[in-house]
Protein backbone atom coordinates (compact mmCIF):
# COMPACT_ATOMS: atom_id res chain seq x y z
CA UNK A 1 0.49 0.24 -0.07
CA UNK A 2 1.41 3.27 -0.92
CA UNK A 3 1.14 6.18 1.64
CA UNK A 4 -0.79 9.69 0.86
CA UNK A 5 0.05 13.21 1.81
CA UNK A 6 -2.41 15.79 1.84
CA UNK A 7 -2.11 19.14 0.93
CA UNK A 8 -3.04 22.56 2.69
CA UNK A 9 -5.98 23.18 0.61
CA UNK A 10 -7.11 18.91 1.01
CA UNK A 11 -6.77 19.41 4.76
CA UNK A 12 -8.42 22.82 4.76
CA UNK A 13 -11.12 20.63 2.91
CA UNK A 14 -11.67 18.50 5.15
CA UNK A 15 -11.63 20.11 8.33
CA UNK A 16 -14.61 22.49 6.75
CA UNK A 17 -16.37 19.36 5.94
CA UNK A 18 -16.28 17.98 9.44
CA UNK A 19 -17.00 21.15 11.03
CA UNK A 20 -19.84 21.75 8.58
CA UNK A 21 -21.25 18.28 9.13
CA UNK A 22 -21.33 18.46 12.93
CA UNK A 23 -23.26 21.86 12.72
CA UNK A 24 -25.70 20.41 10.28
CA UNK A 25 -26.36 17.19 11.36
CA UNK A 26 -24.13 16.45 15.14
CA UNK A 27 -21.71 14.42 16.35
CA UNK A 28 -22.40 10.74 15.33
CA UNK A 29 -22.80 12.18 11.55
CA UNK A 30 -19.38 13.89 11.90
CA UNK A 31 -17.74 10.78 13.30
CA UNK A 32 -19.24 8.83 10.24
CA UNK A 33 -18.07 10.69 7.76
CA UNK A 34 -15.04 11.13 9.17
CA UNK A 35 -14.64 7.18 8.87
CA UNK A 36 -15.79 7.58 5.34
CA UNK A 37 -13.30 9.79 4.74
CA UNK A 38 -10.06 7.75 5.88
CA UNK A 39 -11.76 4.73 4.24
CA UNK A 40 -11.34 6.49 0.97
CA UNK A 41 -7.89 7.78 1.99
CA UNK A 42 -7.08 4.09 2.25
CA UNK A 43 -8.66 2.43 -0.34
CA UNK A 44 -7.10 5.26 -3.08
CA UNK A 45 -3.97 4.67 -1.15
CA UNK A 46 -4.29 1.12 -1.34
CA UNK A 47 -5.26 0.83 -5.18
CA UNK A 48 -4.79 4.02 -7.40
CA UNK A 49 -6.52 3.22 -10.16
CA UNK A 50 -9.06 1.05 -8.51
CA UNK A 51 -12.05 0.33 -10.53
CA UNK A 52 -14.25 3.53 -9.83
CA UNK A 53 -11.71 5.58 -9.69
CA UNK A 54 -11.69 8.68 -12.90
CA UNK A 55 -8.91 9.48 -14.85
CA UNK A 56 -8.10 13.05 -14.49
CA UNK A 57 -6.16 14.55 -17.61
CA UNK A 58 -7.49 17.96 -17.89
CA UNK A 59 -6.45 18.59 -14.00
CA UNK A 60 -2.44 17.24 -14.97
CA UNK A 61 -0.42 14.05 -15.51
CA UNK A 62 -1.55 11.28 -12.84
CA UNK A 63 -4.37 12.84 -11.73
CA UNK A 64 -7.20 10.98 -10.69
CA UNK A 65 -10.79 11.31 -8.36
CA UNK A 66 -11.99 8.70 -6.46
CA UNK A 67 -16.28 9.82 -5.01
CA UNK A 68 -16.69 8.84 -1.58
CA UNK A 69 -19.53 6.56 -2.22
CA UNK A 70 -17.14 3.91 -3.59
CA UNK A 71 -15.44 3.54 0.31
CA UNK A 72 -18.70 3.61 1.86
CA UNK A 73 -18.73 -0.43 2.60
CA UNK A 74 -15.58 0.22 4.33
CA UNK A 75 -16.52 3.18 6.34
CA UNK A 76 -19.47 1.10 8.35
CA UNK A 77 -19.28 1.68 12.15
CA UNK A 78 -21.57 0.39 14.77
CA UNK A 79 -23.86 3.53 13.94
CA UNK A 80 -24.26 2.64 10.14
CA UNK A 81 -22.75 4.63 7.19
CA UNK A 82 -22.92 7.68 5.35
CA UNK A 83 -26.29 7.28 3.56
CA UNK A 84 -25.95 9.71 0.44
CA UNK A 85 -21.70 11.16 0.09
CA UNK A 86 -21.06 14.48 -1.38
CA UNK A 87 -17.53 14.48 -1.83
CA UNK A 88 -14.63 13.28 -4.14
CA UNK A 89 -11.35 13.10 -3.36
CA UNK A 90 -8.91 14.62 -6.35
CA UNK A 91 -5.39 12.91 -6.22
CA UNK A 92 -1.75 12.21 -8.11
CA UNK A 93 -0.11 8.87 -7.80
CA UNK A 94 3.08 10.37 -10.02
CA UNK A 95 5.21 7.52 -7.50
CA UNK A 96 4.22 3.98 -6.44
CA UNK A 97 4.57 4.79 -3.18
CA UNK A 98 2.95 7.92 -2.63
CA UNK A 99 -0.32 9.16 -3.58
CA UNK A 100 -0.82 13.07 -3.12
CA UNK A 101 -4.47 13.91 -2.17
CA UNK A 102 -4.67 17.78 -3.60
CA UNK A 103 -8.33 18.57 -2.39
CA UNK A 104 -11.74 17.26 -1.19
CA UNK A 105 -14.34 18.88 -2.79
CA UNK A 106 -18.60 18.65 -2.69
CA UNK A 107 -19.66 16.70 -5.77
CA UNK A 108 -22.58 19.55 -6.83
CA UNK A 109 -18.73 22.03 -7.04
CA UNK A 110 -17.50 23.38 -10.58
CA UNK A 111 -14.10 21.78 -10.64
CA UNK A 112 -12.52 24.25 -12.80
CA UNK A 113 -13.34 26.62 -10.28
CA UNK A 114 -11.72 24.78 -7.28
CA UNK A 115 -8.37 23.67 -9.31
CA UNK A 116 -5.30 24.48 -11.37
CA UNK A 117 -3.93 21.84 -12.80
CA UNK A 118 -0.17 22.31 -12.14
CA UNK A 119 -1.17 24.93 -8.55
CA UNK A 120 -2.84 22.28 -6.07
CA UNK A 121 0.59 19.79 -5.32
CA UNK A 122 2.14 21.98 -3.26
């Protein structure tokens, strides 16, 4: 399994997603979404080109996306799963040993408004 690294933008995205989840739906929902995010990160680190991931050449070389719904069953806990996850990971797998998570974005966002192909990977 490859390691993964979050960019500063991805870290900020995750904090904001979890804070919003807790404000809107409570602590249990936040914990479910946090489990889901961790499962998704581990899933793409285990297999960056896994079935269901999409190549995103318009965002740069070796860039892919993974919708969190693909990791739902890996995130099942005693309090259930996230029923309708709405976020996806944008990541880059340049090196087989390291996956860089560039952003975690809502699936209703216009992708190009939130990303510049070469600027998110630092």
